[in-house]
Amino acid sequence: MKAFQAIKMVGGALIVLASVSAYAQSSDAAATPAAPMAASSAPSAKSVKAANRALGRKVRNALSKTKGLSVTNITVRARGGAVTLAGTVPEQQQVDLATQAAQGVAGVTSVKNALTIRPVGQ
């Protein structure tokens, strides 16, 4: 019977010790001013999406201003500076023009060209 009480006492002491240790760790993290700064320095998903949309609009605008390029069937997708061009154009020359125009936009790190050639009327 005494052994059972001793085990209960040691178990209770371990639980109290673990609770105090966990409380001390959580209050240290809250008191450290660097902890909130580290969490806020990473960009939020919302701001990343907004930046991707803005880059996509800049590329789309550059494509629309390129002479000799029909942008009606071109879609632009941007992700972290990587731009993907998809859709159809009537001539091979327009594929090359679209790639060059997209590469010339500030913030674009790479261009993946998935444009296909489809003559007008087909």
PDB file of N, CA and C in Angstrom:
ATOM      1  N   MET A   1       0.822  -1.181   0.000  1.00  0.00           N
ATOM      2  CA  MET A   1       0.000   0.000   0.000  1.00  0.00           C
ATOM      3  C   MET A   1       0.867   1.246   0.000  1.00  0.00           C
ATOM      4  N   LYS A   2       1.975   1.195   0.799  1.00  0.00           N
ATOM      5  CA  LYS A   2       2.853   2.351   0.853  1.00  0.00           C
ATOM      6  C   LYS A   2       3.548   2.570  -0.485  1.00  0.00           C
ATOM      7  N   ALA A   3       3.853   1.511  -1.196  1.00  0.00           N
ATOM      8  CA  ALA A   3       4.510   1.631  -2.493  1.00  0.00           C
ATOM      9  C   ALA A   3       3.570   2.316  -3.488  1.00  0.00           C
ATOM     10  N   PHE A   4       2.290   2.004  -3.420  1.00  0.00           N
ATOM     11  CA  PHE A   4       1.323   2.620  -4.306  1.00  0.00           C
ATOM     12  C   PHE A   4       1.211   4.122  -4.040  1.00  0.00           C
ATOM     13  N   GLN A   5       1.213   4.520  -2.774  1.00  0.00           N
ATOM     14  CA  GLN A   5       1.165   5.944  -2.431  1.00  0.00           C
ATOM     15  C   GLN A   5       2.436   6.660  -2.886  1.00  0.00           C
ATOM     16  N   ALA A   6       3.566   5.992  -2.784  1.00  0.00           N
ATOM     17  CA  ALA A   6       4.829   6.589  -3.217  1.00  0.00           C
ATOM     18  C   ALA A   6       4.829   6.805  -4.734  1.00  0.00           C
ATOM     19  N   ILE A   7       4.292   5.853  -5.476  1.00  0.00           N
ATOM     20  CA  ILE A   7       4.218   5.987  -6.933  1.00  0.00           C
ATOM     21  C   ILE A   7       3.301   7.153  -7.309  1.00  0.00           C
ATOM     22  N   LYS A   8       2.173   7.266  -6.586  1.00  0.00           N
ATOM     23  CA  LYS A   8       1.253   8.370  -6.842  1.00  0.00           C
ATOM     24  C   LYS A   8       1.922   9.705  -6.532  1.00  0.00           C
ATOM     25  N   MET A   9       2.689   9.764  -5.480  1.00  0.00           N
ATOM     26  CA  MET A   9       3.367  10.992  -5.086  1.00  0.00           C
ATOM     27  C   MET A   9       4.423  11.379  -6.122  1.00  0.00           C
ATOM     28  N   VAL A  10       5.210  10.430  -6.600  1.00  0.00           N
ATOM     29  CA  VAL A  10       6.237  10.706  -7.612  1.00  0.00           C
ATOM     30  C   VAL A  10       5.567  11.125  -8.930  1.00  0.00           C
ATOM     31  N   GLY A  11       4.498  10.451  -9.305  1.00  0.00           N
ATOM     32  CA  GLY A  11       3.773  10.804 -10.524  1.00  0.00           C
ATOM     33  C   GLY A  11       3.204  12.216 -10.446  1.00  0.00           C
ATOM     34  N   GLY A  12       2.644  12.578  -9.303  1.00  0.00           N
ATOM     35  CA  GLY A  12       2.105  13.925  -9.114  1.00  0.00           C
ATOM     36  C   GLY A  12       3.207  14.973  -9.194  1.00  0.00           C
ATOM     37  N   ALA A  13       4.359  14.657  -8.593  1.00  0.00           N
ATOM     38  CA  ALA A  13       5.480  15.599  -8.634  1.00  0.00           C
ATOM     39  C   ALA A  13       5.972  15.791 -10.072  1.00  0.00           C
ATOM     40  N   LEU A  14       6.005  14.721 -10.846  1.00  0.00           N
ATOM     41  CA  LEU A  14       6.419  14.837 -12.247  1.00  0.00           C
ATOM     42  C   LEU A  14       5.433  15.690 -13.060  1.00  0.00           C
ATOM     43  N   ILE A  15       4.158  15.535 -12.793  1.00  0.00           N
ATOM     44  CA  ILE A  15       3.146  16.335 -13.501  1.00  0.00           C
ATOM     45  C   ILE A  15       3.298  17.815 -13.152  1.00  0.00           C
ATOM     46  N   VAL A  16       3.503  18.114 -11.877  1.00  0.00           N
ATOM     47  CA  VAL A  16       3.693  19.503 -11.460  1.00  0.00           C
ATOM     48  C   VAL A  16       4.959  20.071 -12.090  1.00  0.00           C
ATOM     49  N   LEU A  17       6.021  19.312 -12.096  1.00  0.00           N
ATOM     50  CA  LEU A  17       7.276  19.769 -12.685  1.00  0.00           C
ATOM     51  C   LEU A  17       7.124  20.038 -14.189  1.00  0.00           C
ATOM     52  N   ALA A  18       6.435  19.161 -14.887  1.00  0.00           N
ATOM     53  CA  ALA A  18       6.217  19.353 -16.321  1.00  0.00           C
ATOM     54  C   ALA A  18       5.342  20.579 -16.577  1.00  0.00           C
ATOM     55  N   SER A  19       4.342  20.802 -15.737  1.00  0.00           N
ATOM     56  CA  SER A  19       3.468  21.964 -15.903  1.00  0.00           C
ATOM     57  C   SER A  19       4.225  23.264 -15.690  1.00  0.00           C
ATOM     58  N   VAL A  20       5.056  23.318 -14.677  1.00  0.00           N
ATOM     59  CA  VAL A  20       5.830  24.525 -14.394  1.00  0.00           C
ATOM     60  C   VAL A  20       6.815  24.789 -15.528  1.00  0.00           C
ATOM     61  N   SER A  21       7.431  23.735 -16.033  1.00  0.00           N
ATOM     62  CA  SER A  21       8.372  23.885 -17.132  1.00  0.00           C
ATOM     63  C   SER A  21       7.674  24.401 -18.384  1.00  0.00           C
ATOM     64  N   ALA A  22       6.517  23.871 -18.701  1.00  0.00           N
ATOM     65  CA  ALA A  22       5.771  24.318 -19.873  1.00  0.00           C
ATOM     66  C   ALA A  22       5.324  25.760 -19.700  1.00  0.00           C
ATOM     67  N   TYR A  23       4.883  26.134 -18.513  1.00  0.00           N
ATOM     68  CA  TYR A  23       4.459  27.513 -18.260  1.00  0.00           C
ATOM     69  C   TYR A  23       5.640  28.468 -18.409  1.00  0.00           C
ATOM     70  N   ALA A  24       6.798  28.083 -17.919  1.00  0.00           N
ATOM     71  CA  ALA A  24       7.972  28.944 -18.004  1.00  0.00           C
ATOM     72  C   ALA A  24       8.392  29.129 -19.455  1.00  0.00           C
ATOM     73  N   GLN A  25       8.304  28.089 -20.252  1.00  0.00           N
ATOM     74  CA  GLN A  25       8.670  28.200 -21.662  1.00  0.00           C
ATOM     75  C   GLN A  25       7.703  29.102 -22.418  1.00  0.00           C
ATOM     76  N   SER A  26       6.420  28.987 -22.174  1.00  0.00           N
ATOM     77  CA  SER A  26       5.464  29.807 -22.906  1.00  0.00           C
ATOM     78  C   SER A  26       5.549  31.269 -22.485  1.00  0.00           C
ATOM     79  N   SER A  27       5.830  31.555 -21.231  1.00  0.00           N
ATOM     80  CA  SER A  27       5.939  32.950 -20.818  1.00  0.00           C
ATOM     81  C   SER A  27       7.244  33.562 -21.310  1.00  0.00           C
ATOM     82  N   ASP A  28       8.320  32.767 -21.450  1.00  0.00           N
ATOM     83  CA  ASP A  28       9.570  33.285 -22.014  1.00  0.00           C
ATOM     84  C   ASP A  28       9.374  33.664 -23.481  1.00  0.00           C
ATOM     85  N   ALA A  29       8.654  32.852 -24.218  1.00  0.00           N
ATOM     86  CA  ALA A  29       8.438  33.140 -25.631  1.00  0.00           C
ATOM     87  C   ALA A  29       7.589  34.391 -25.811  1.00  0.00           C
ATOM     88  N   ALA A  30       6.620  34.594 -24.930  1.00  0.00           N
ATOM     89  CA  ALA A  30       5.769  35.771 -25.032  1.00  0.00           C
ATOM     90  C   ALA A  30       6.528  37.032 -24.633  1.00  0.00           C
ATOM     91  N   ALA A  31       7.492  36.909 -23.726  1.00  0.00           N
ATOM     92  CA  ALA A  31       8.226  38.081 -23.260  1.00  0.00           C
ATOM     93  C   ALA A  31       9.345  38.481 -24.219  1.00  0.00           C
ATOM     94  N   THR A  32       9.754  37.563 -25.095  1.00  0.00           N
ATOM     95  CA  THR A  32      10.833  37.853 -26.027  1.00  0.00           C
ATOM     96  C   THR A  32      10.308  38.728 -27.158  1.00  0.00           C
ATOM     97  N   PRO A  33      10.878  39.919 -27.365  1.00  0.00           N
ATOM     98  CA  PRO A  33      10.363  40.780 -28.420  1.00  0.00           C
ATOM     99  C   PRO A  33      10.679  40.285 -29.820  1.00  0.00           C
ATOM    100  N   ALA A  34      11.651  39.414 -29.998  1.00  0.00           N
ATOM    101  CA  ALA A  34      12.019  38.943 -31.327  1.00  0.00           C
ATOM    102  C   ALA A  34      11.020  37.923 -31.864  1.00  0.00           C
ATOM    103  N   ALA A  35      10.299  37.245 -31.005  1.00  0.00           N
ATOM    104  CA  ALA A  35       9.367  36.220 -31.461  1.00  0.00           C
ATOM    105  C   ALA A  35       8.251  36.797 -32.332  1.00  0.00           C
ATOM    106  N   PRO A  36       7.563  37.869 -31.938  1.00  0.00           N
ATOM    107  CA  PRO A  36       6.533  38.405 -32.828  1.00  0.00           C
ATOM    108  C   PRO A  36       7.116  38.970 -34.115  1.00  0.00           C
ATOM    109  N   MET A  37       8.325  39.510 -34.079  1.00  0.00           N
ATOM    110  CA  MET A  37       8.938  40.072 -35.267  1.00  0.00           C
ATOM    111  C   MET A  37       9.208  38.983 -36.294  1.00  0.00           C
ATOM    112  N   ALA A  38       9.645  37.811 -35.848  1.00  0.00           N
ATOM    113  CA  ALA A  38       9.960  36.729 -36.774  1.00  0.00           C
ATOM    114  C   ALA A  38       8.697  36.260 -37.490  1.00  0.00           C
ATOM    115  N   ALA A  39       7.590  36.213 -36.795  1.00  0.00           N
ATOM    116  CA  ALA A  39       6.353  35.765 -37.409  1.00  0.00           C
ATOM    117  C   ALA A  39       5.833  36.788 -38.411  1.00  0.00           C
ATOM    118  N   SER A  40       6.010  38.066 -38.142  1.00  0.00           N
ATOM    119  CA  SER A  40       5.454  39.081 -39.024  1.00  0.00           C
ATOM    120  C   SER A  40       6.374  39.395 -40.209  1.00  0.00           C
ATOM    121  N   SER A  41       7.623  38.927 -40.188  1.00  0.00           N
ATOM    122  CA  SER A  41       8.533  39.231 -41.288  1.00  0.00           C
ATOM    123  C   SER A  41       8.238  38.378 -42.522  1.00  0.00           C
ATOM    124  N   ALA A  42       7.602  37.239 -42.348  1.00  0.00           N
ATOM    125  CA  ALA A  42       7.249  36.403 -43.487  1.00  0.00           C
ATOM    126  C   ALA A  42       6.016  37.001 -44.163  1.00  0.00           C
ATOM    127  N   PRO A  43       6.017  37.073 -45.506  1.00  0.00           N
ATOM    128  CA  PRO A  43       4.863  37.653 -46.181  1.00  0.00           C
ATOM    129  C   PRO A  43       3.639  36.757 -46.035  1.00  0.00           C
ATOM    130  N   SER A  44       2.486  37.380 -45.902  1.00  0.00           N
ATOM    131  CA  SER A  44       1.259  36.612 -45.762  1.00  0.00           C
ATOM    132  C   SER A  44       0.826  36.083 -47.127  1.00  0.00           C
ATOM    133  N   ALA A  45      -0.017  35.089 -47.092  1.00  0.00           N
ATOM    134  CA  ALA A  45      -0.511  34.498 -48.340  1.00  0.00           C
ATOM    135  C   ALA A  45      -1.279  35.535 -49.146  1.00  0.00           C
ATOM    136  N   LYS A  46      -1.969  36.410 -48.455  1.00  0.00           N
ATOM    137  CA  LYS A  46      -2.741  37.451 -49.138  1.00  0.00           C
ATOM    138  C   LYS A  46      -1.823  38.406 -49.891  1.00  0.00           C
ATOM    139  N   SER A  47      -0.720  38.804 -49.266  1.00  0.00           N
ATOM    140  CA  SER A  47       0.189  39.736 -49.935  1.00  0.00           C
ATOM    141  C   SER A  47       0.931  39.060 -51.091  1.00  0.00           C
ATOM    142  N   VAL A  48       1.217  37.778 -50.967  1.00  0.00           N
ATOM    143  CA  VAL A  48       1.868  37.042 -52.059  1.00  0.00           C
ATOM    144  C   VAL A  48       0.935  36.952 -53.261  1.00  0.00           C
ATOM    145  N   LYS A  49      -0.341  36.654 -53.006  1.00  0.00           N
ATOM    146  CA  LYS A  49      -1.313  36.590 -54.098  1.00  0.00           C
ATOM    147  C   LYS A  49      -1.463  37.944 -54.771  1.00  0.00           C
ATOM    148  N   ALA A  50      -1.502  39.000 -53.974  1.00  0.00           N
ATOM    149  CA  ALA A  50      -1.635  40.347 -54.542  1.00  0.00           C
ATOM    150  C   ALA A  50      -0.430  40.694 -55.408  1.00  0.00           C
ATOM    151  N   ALA A  51       0.765  40.323 -54.951  1.00  0.00           N
ATOM    152  CA  ALA A  51       1.978  40.591 -55.733  1.00  0.00           C
ATOM    153  C   ALA A  51       1.972  39.792 -57.033  1.00  0.00           C
ATOM    154  N   ASN A  52       1.513  38.546 -56.983  1.00  0.00           N
ATOM    155  CA  ASN A  52       1.432  37.723 -58.197  1.00  0.00           C
ATOM    156  C   ASN A  52       0.423  38.312 -59.192  1.00  0.00           C
ATOM    157  N   ARG A  53      -0.720  38.761 -58.684  1.00  0.00           N
ATOM    158  CA  ARG A  53      -1.722  39.371 -59.569  1.00  0.00           C
ATOM    159  C   ARG A  53      -1.179  40.650 -60.197  1.00  0.00           C
ATOM    160  N   ALA A  54      -0.485  41.462 -59.403  1.00  0.00           N
ATOM    161  CA  ALA A  54       0.070  42.717 -59.923  1.00  0.00           C
ATOM    162  C   ALA A  54       1.105  42.440 -61.014  1.00  0.00           C
ATOM    163  N   LEU A  55       1.953  41.455 -60.802  1.00  0.00           N
ATOM    164  CA  LEU A  55       2.949  41.100 -61.819  1.00  0.00           C
ATOM    165  C   LEU A  55       2.267  40.583 -63.077  1.00  0.00           C
ATOM    166  N   GLY A  56       1.241  39.772 -62.908  1.00  0.00           N
ATOM    167  CA  GLY A  56       0.494  39.272 -64.064  1.00  0.00           C
ATOM    168  C   GLY A  56      -0.131  40.410 -64.863  1.00  0.00           C
ATOM    169  N   ARG A  57      -0.665  41.419 -64.165  1.00  0.00           N
ATOM    170  CA  ARG A  57      -1.239  42.576 -64.860  1.00  0.00           C
ATOM    171  C   ARG A  57      -0.166  43.360 -65.605  1.00  0.00           C
ATOM    172  N   LYS A  58       1.013  43.509 -64.991  1.00  0.00           N
ATOM    173  CA  LYS A  58       2.104  44.227 -65.658  1.00  0.00           C
ATOM    174  C   LYS A  58       2.540  43.506 -66.932  1.00  0.00           C
ATOM    175  N   VAL A  59       2.627  42.181 -66.863  1.00  0.00           N
ATOM    176  CA  VAL A  59       3.018  41.408 -68.043  1.00  0.00           C
ATOM    177  C   VAL A  59       1.926  41.502 -69.106  1.00  0.00           C
ATOM    178  N   ARG A  60       0.687  41.374 -68.700  1.00  0.00           N
ATOM    179  CA  ARG A  60      -0.436  41.465 -69.654  1.00  0.00           C
ATOM    180  C   ARG A  60      -0.441  42.836 -70.341  1.00  0.00           C
ATOM    181  N   ASN A  61      -0.184  43.889 -69.564  1.00  0.00           N
ATOM    182  CA  ASN A  61      -0.126  45.239 -70.106  1.00  0.00           C
ATOM    183  C   ASN A  61       1.022  45.359 -71.121  1.00  0.00           C
ATOM    184  N   ALA A  62       2.180  44.798 -70.790  1.00  0.00           N
ATOM    185  CA  ALA A  62       3.325  44.842 -71.701  1.00  0.00           C
ATOM    186  C   ALA A  62       3.018  44.084 -72.990  1.00  0.00           C
ATOM    187  N   LEU A  63       2.328  42.953 -72.881  1.00  0.00           N
ATOM    188  CA  LEU A  63       1.960  42.184 -74.070  1.00  0.00           C
ATOM    189  C   LEU A  63       0.990  42.980 -74.948  1.00  0.00           C
ATOM    190  N   SER A  64       0.045  43.660 -74.322  1.00  0.00           N
ATOM    191  CA  SER A  64      -0.947  44.403 -75.106  1.00  0.00           C
ATOM    192  C   SER A  64      -0.330  45.599 -75.824  1.00  0.00           C
ATOM    193  N   LYS A  65       0.786  46.107 -75.308  1.00  0.00           N
ATOM    194  CA  LYS A  65       1.456  47.245 -75.939  1.00  0.00           C
ATOM    195  C   LYS A  65       2.478  46.821 -76.999  1.00  0.00           C
ATOM    196  N   THR A  66       2.703  45.524 -77.135  1.00  0.00           N
ATOM    197  CA  THR A  66       3.674  45.021 -78.101  1.00  0.00           C
ATOM    198  C   THR A  66       3.049  45.012 -79.486  1.00  0.00           C
ATOM    199  N   LYS A  67       3.679  45.707 -80.409  1.00  0.00           N
ATOM    200  CA  LYS A  67       3.170  45.776 -81.784  1.00  0.00           C
ATOM    201  C   LYS A  67       3.350  44.432 -82.478  1.00  0.00           C
ATOM    202  N   GLY A  68       2.328  44.033 -83.210  1.00  0.00           N
ATOM    203  CA  GLY A  68       2.383  42.780 -83.954  1.00  0.00           C
ATOM    204  C   GLY A  68       2.003  41.571 -83.133  1.00  0.00           C
ATOM    205  N   LEU A  69       1.451  41.777 -81.924  1.00  0.00           N
ATOM    206  CA  LEU A  69       1.084  40.659 -81.046  1.00  0.00           C
ATOM    207  C   LEU A  69      -0.401  40.726 -80.734  1.00  0.00           C
ATOM    208  N   SER A  70      -1.110  39.651 -80.994  1.00  0.00           N
ATOM    209  CA  SER A  70      -2.533  39.546 -80.677  1.00  0.00           C
ATOM    210  C   SER A  70      -2.675  38.869 -79.318  1.00  0.00           C
ATOM    211  N   VAL A  71      -3.177  39.598 -78.322  1.00  0.00           N
ATOM    212  CA  VAL A  71      -3.240  39.062 -76.958  1.00  0.00           C
ATOM    213  C   VAL A  71      -4.618  38.538 -76.579  1.00  0.00           C
ATOM    214  N   THR A  72      -5.534  38.485 -77.525  1.00  0.00           N
ATOM    215  CA  THR A  72      -6.902  38.088 -77.188  1.00  0.00           C
ATOM    216  C   THR A  72      -6.998  36.663 -76.634  1.00  0.00           C
ATOM    217  N   ASN A  73      -6.133  35.772 -77.067  1.00  0.00           N
ATOM    218  CA  ASN A  73      -6.196  34.374 -76.605  1.00  0.00           C
ATOM    219  C   ASN A  73      -5.003  33.990 -75.733  1.00  0.00           C
ATOM    220  N   ILE A  74      -4.367  34.968 -75.104  1.00  0.00           N
ATOM    221  CA  ILE A  74      -3.205  34.690 -74.247  1.00  0.00           C
ATOM    222  C   ILE A  74      -3.591  34.910 -72.799  1.00  0.00           C
ATOM    223  N   THR A  75      -3.274  33.928 -71.960  1.00  0.00           N
ATOM    224  CA  THR A  75      -3.466  34.082 -70.522  1.00  0.00           C
ATOM    225  C   THR A  75      -2.090  34.157 -69.858  1.00  0.00           C
ATOM    226  N   VAL A  76      -2.026  34.926 -68.783  1.00  0.00           N
ATOM    227  CA  VAL A  76      -0.765  35.130 -68.077  1.00  0.00           C
ATOM    228  C   VAL A  76      -0.961  34.681 -66.633  1.00  0.00           C
ATOM    229  N   ARG A  77      -0.012  33.887 -66.149  1.00  0.00           N
ATOM    230  CA  ARG A  77      -0.032  33.457 -64.748  1.00  0.00           C
ATOM    231  C   ARG A  77       1.339  33.723 -64.154  1.00  0.00           C
ATOM    232  N   ALA A  78       1.355  34.392 -63.001  1.00  0.00           N
ATOM    233  CA  ALA A  78       2.625  34.716 -62.338  1.00  0.00           C
ATOM    234  C   ALA A  78       2.656  34.082 -60.958  1.00  0.00           C
ATOM    235  N   ARG A  79       3.810  33.548 -60.614  1.00  0.00           N
ATOM    236  CA  ARG A  79       4.027  32.966 -59.287  1.00  0.00           C
ATOM    237  C   ARG A  79       5.448  33.253 -58.853  1.00  0.00           C
ATOM    238  N   GLY A  80       5.594  34.191 -57.953  1.00  0.00           N
ATOM    239  CA  GLY A  80       6.909  34.499 -57.405  1.00  0.00           C
ATOM    240  C   GLY A  80       7.929  34.915 -58.452  1.00  0.00           C
ATOM    241  N   GLY A  81       7.507  35.622 -59.451  1.00  0.00           N
ATOM    242  CA  GLY A  81       8.429  36.073 -60.484  1.00  0.00           C
ATOM    243  C   GLY A  81       8.474  35.174 -61.703  1.00  0.00           C
ATOM    244  N   ALA A  82       8.002  33.946 -61.577  1.00  0.00           N
ATOM    245  CA  ALA A  82       7.950  33.021 -62.714  1.00  0.00           C
ATOM    246  C   ALA A  82       6.631  33.224 -63.441  1.00  0.00           C
ATOM    247  N   VAL A  83       6.699  33.515 -64.721  1.00  0.00           N
ATOM    248  CA  VAL A  83       5.507  33.813 -65.515  1.00  0.00           C
ATOM    249  C   VAL A  83       5.271  32.685 -66.505  1.00  0.00           C
ATOM    250  N   THR A  84       4.009  32.278 -66.639  1.00  0.00           N
ATOM    251  CA  THR A  84       3.615  31.276 -67.628  1.00  0.00           C
ATOM    252  C   THR A  84       2.652  31.925 -68.604  1.00  0.00           C
ATOM    253  N   LEU A  85       2.965  31.811 -69.886  1.00  0.00           N
ATOM    254  CA  LEU A  85       2.098  32.300 -70.951  1.00  0.00           C
ATOM    255  C   LEU A  85       1.413  31.095 -71.571  1.00  0.00           C
ATOM    256  N   ALA A  86       0.093  31.139 -71.676  1.00  0.00           N
ATOM    257  CA  ALA A  86      -0.655  30.027 -72.259  1.00  0.00           C
ATOM    258  C   ALA A  86      -1.690  30.588 -73.221  1.00  0.00           C
ATOM    259  N   GLY A  87      -2.169  29.721 -74.113  1.00  0.00           N
ATOM    260  CA  GLY A  87      -3.177  30.132 -75.072  1.00  0.00           C
ATOM    261  C   GLY A  87      -2.716  29.895 -76.492  1.00  0.00           C
ATOM    262  N   THR A  88      -3.333  30.648 -77.415  1.00  0.00           N
ATOM    263  CA  THR A  88      -3.011  30.471 -78.823  1.00  0.00           C
ATOM    264  C   THR A  88      -2.699  31.803 -79.483  1.00  0.00           C
ATOM    265  N   VAL A  89      -1.836  31.733 -80.478  1.00  0.00           N
ATOM    266  CA  VAL A  89      -1.502  32.880 -81.335  1.00  0.00           C
ATOM    267  C   VAL A  89      -1.491  32.375 -82.776  1.00  0.00           C
ATOM    268  N   PRO A  90      -1.694  33.282 -83.754  1.00  0.00           N
ATOM    269  CA  PRO A  90      -1.775  32.813 -85.140  1.00  0.00           C
ATOM    270  C   PRO A  90      -0.440  32.486 -85.807  1.00  0.00           C
ATOM    271  N   GLU A  91       0.689  33.009 -85.293  1.00  0.00           N
ATOM    272  CA  GLU A  91       1.978  32.793 -85.965  1.00  0.00           C
ATOM    273  C   GLU A  91       3.090  32.526 -84.954  1.00  0.00           C
ATOM    274  N   GLN A  92       4.143  31.833 -85.407  1.00  0.00           N
ATOM    275  CA  GLN A  92       5.316  31.564 -84.563  1.00  0.00           C
ATOM    276  C   GLN A  92       5.990  32.859 -84.118  1.00  0.00           C
ATOM    277  N   GLN A  93       6.004  33.855 -84.975  1.00  0.00           N
ATOM    278  CA  GLN A  93       6.645  35.133 -84.652  1.00  0.00           C
ATOM    279  C   GLN A  93       6.015  35.752 -83.398  1.00  0.00           C
ATOM    280  N   GLN A  94       4.705  35.567 -83.217  1.00  0.00           N
ATOM    281  CA  GLN A  94       4.033  36.123 -82.049  1.00  0.00           C
ATOM    282  C   GLN A  94       4.412  35.375 -80.768  1.00  0.00           C
ATOM    283  N   VAL A  95       4.734  34.108 -80.877  1.00  0.00           N
ATOM    284  CA  VAL A  95       5.206  33.348 -79.715  1.00  0.00           C
ATOM    285  C   VAL A  95       6.503  33.973 -79.209  1.00  0.00           C
ATOM    286  N   ASP A  96       7.402  34.252 -80.133  1.00  0.00           N
ATOM    287  CA  ASP A  96       8.684  34.849 -79.764  1.00  0.00           C
ATOM    288  C   ASP A  96       8.504  36.262 -79.213  1.00  0.00           C
ATOM    289  N   LEU A  97       7.611  37.046 -79.830  1.00  0.00           N
ATOM    290  CA  LEU A  97       7.347  38.401 -79.347  1.00  0.00           C
ATOM    291  C   LEU A  97       6.801  38.389 -77.918  1.00  0.00           C
ATOM    292  N   ALA A  98       5.896  37.468 -77.649  1.00  0.00           N
ATOM    293  CA  ALA A  98       5.299  37.378 -76.315  1.00  0.00           C
ATOM    294  C   ALA A  98       6.349  37.032 -75.265  1.00  0.00           C
ATOM    295  N   THR A  99       7.229  36.112 -75.591  1.00  0.00           N
ATOM    296  CA  THR A  99       8.287  35.724 -74.653  1.00  0.00           C
ATOM    297  C   THR A  99       9.209  36.898 -74.368  1.00  0.00           C
ATOM    298  N   GLN A 100       9.626  37.597 -75.401  1.00  0.00           N
ATOM    299  CA  GLN A 100      10.530  38.743 -75.219  1.00  0.00           C
ATOM    300  C   GLN A 100       9.861  39.860 -74.421  1.00  0.00           C
ATOM    301  N   ALA A 101       8.595  40.116 -74.703  1.00  0.00           N
ATOM    302  CA  ALA A 101       7.888  41.176 -73.985  1.00  0.00           C
ATOM    303  C   ALA A 101       7.748  40.831 -72.506  1.00  0.00           C
ATOM    304  N   ALA A 102       7.444  39.583 -72.200  1.00  0.00           N
ATOM    305  CA  ALA A 102       7.283  39.164 -70.798  1.00  0.00           C
ATOM    306  C   ALA A 102       8.618  39.226 -70.056  1.00  0.00           C
ATOM    307  N   GLN A 103       9.710  38.845 -70.719  1.00  0.00           N
ATOM    308  CA  GLN A 103      11.024  38.882 -70.079  1.00  0.00           C
ATOM    309  C   GLN A 103      11.459  40.309 -69.780  1.00  0.00           C
ATOM    310  N   GLY A 104      10.941  41.278 -70.517  1.00  0.00           N
ATOM    311  CA  GLY A 104      11.327  42.667 -70.323  1.00  0.00           C
ATOM    312  C   GLY A 104      10.624  43.364 -69.175  1.00  0.00           C
ATOM    313  N   VAL A 105       9.678  42.712 -68.525  1.00  0.00           N
ATOM    314  CA  VAL A 105       8.923  43.321 -67.433  1.00  0.00           C
ATOM    315  C   VAL A 105       9.718  43.189 -66.131  1.00  0.00           C
ATOM    316  N   ALA A 106       9.790  44.291 -65.393  1.00  0.00           N
ATOM    317  CA  ALA A 106      10.503  44.280 -64.104  1.00  0.00           C
ATOM    318  C   ALA A 106       9.808  43.321 -63.132  1.00  0.00           C
ATOM    319  N   GLY A 107      10.595  42.486 -62.470  1.00  0.00           N
ATOM    320  CA  GLY A 107      10.063  41.527 -61.507  1.00  0.00           C
ATOM    321  C   GLY A 107       9.927  40.123 -62.057  1.00  0.00           C
ATOM    322  N   VAL A 108      10.035  39.969 -63.362  1.00  0.00           N
ATOM    323  CA  VAL A 108       9.931  38.643 -63.981  1.00  0.00           C
ATOM    324  C   VAL A 108      11.290  37.964 -63.909  1.00  0.00           C
ATOM    325  N   THR A 109      11.321  36.778 -63.293  1.00  0.00           N
ATOM    326  CA  THR A 109      12.577  36.036 -63.167  1.00  0.00           C
ATOM    327  C   THR A 109      12.716  34.963 -64.241  1.00  0.00           C
ATOM    328  N   SER A 110      11.580  34.398 -64.686  1.00  0.00           N
ATOM    329  CA  SER A 110      11.627  33.395 -65.749  1.00  0.00           C
ATOM    330  C   SER A 110      10.293  33.408 -66.485  1.00  0.00           C
ATOM    331  N   VAL A 111      10.336  32.936 -67.733  1.00  0.00           N
ATOM    332  CA  VAL A 111       9.128  32.868 -68.560  1.00  0.00           C
ATOM    333  C   VAL A 111       9.008  31.465 -69.125  1.00  0.00           C
ATOM    334  N   LYS A 112       7.874  30.832 -68.870  1.00  0.00           N
ATOM    335  CA  LYS A 112       7.562  29.537 -69.475  1.00  0.00           C
ATOM    336  C   LYS A 112       6.518  29.818 -70.550  1.00  0.00           C
ATOM    337  N   ASN A 113       6.850  29.491 -71.769  1.00  0.00           N
ATOM    338  CA  ASN A 113       5.967  29.778 -72.871  1.00  0.00           C
ATOM    339  C   ASN A 113       5.226  28.508 -73.267  1.00  0.00           C
ATOM    340  N   ALA A 114       3.916  28.490 -73.002  1.00  0.00           N
ATOM    341  CA  ALA A 114       3.070  27.347 -73.368  1.00  0.00           C
ATOM    342  C   ALA A 114       2.080  27.746 -74.459  1.00  0.00           C
ATOM    343  N   LEU A 115       2.461  28.744 -75.253  1.00  0.00           N
ATOM    344  CA  LEU A 115       1.607  29.200 -76.350  1.00  0.00           C
ATOM    345  C   LEU A 115       1.652  28.209 -77.501  1.00  0.00           C
ATOM    346  N   THR A 116       0.518  28.040 -78.151  1.00  0.00           N
ATOM    347  CA  THR A 116       0.449  27.179 -79.334  1.00  0.00           C
ATOM    348  C   THR A 116       0.034  28.033 -80.535  1.00  0.00           C
ATOM    349  N   ILE A 117       0.378  27.551 -81.704  1.00  0.00           N
ATOM    350  CA  ILE A 117       0.053  28.274 -82.929  1.00  0.00           C
ATOM    351  C   ILE A 117      -1.264  27.719 -83.485  1.00  0.00           C
ATOM    352  N   ARG A 118      -2.177  28.643 -83.710  1.00  0.00           N
ATOM    353  CA  ARG A 118      -3.475  28.272 -84.264  1.00  0.00           C
ATOM    354  C   ARG A 118      -3.873  29.355 -85.263  1.00  0.00           C
ATOM    355  N   PRO A 119      -3.794  29.053 -86.526  1.00  0.00           N
ATOM    356  CA  PRO A 119      -4.124  30.062 -87.547  1.00  0.00           C
ATOM    357  C   PRO A 119      -5.536  30.604 -87.356  1.00  0.00           C
ATOM    358  N   VAL A 120      -5.729  31.850 -87.769  1.00  0.00           N
ATOM    359  CA  VAL A 120      -7.018  32.511 -87.620  1.00  0.00           C
ATOM    360  C   VAL A 120      -8.086  31.742 -88.383  1.00  0.00           C
ATOM    361  N   GLY A 121      -9.252  31.571 -87.760  1.00  0.00           N
ATOM    362  CA  GLY A 121     -10.359  30.880 -88.398  1.00  0.00           C
ATOM    363  C   GLY A 121     -10.400  29.393 -88.102  1.00  0.00           C
ATOM    364  N   GLN A 122      -9.477  28.874 -87.372  1.00  0.00           N
ATOM    365  CA  GLN A 122      -9.497  27.421 -87.058  1.00  0.00           C
ATOM    366  C   GLN A 122      -9.839  27.184 -85.630  1.00  0.00           C
TER     367      GLN A 122
END
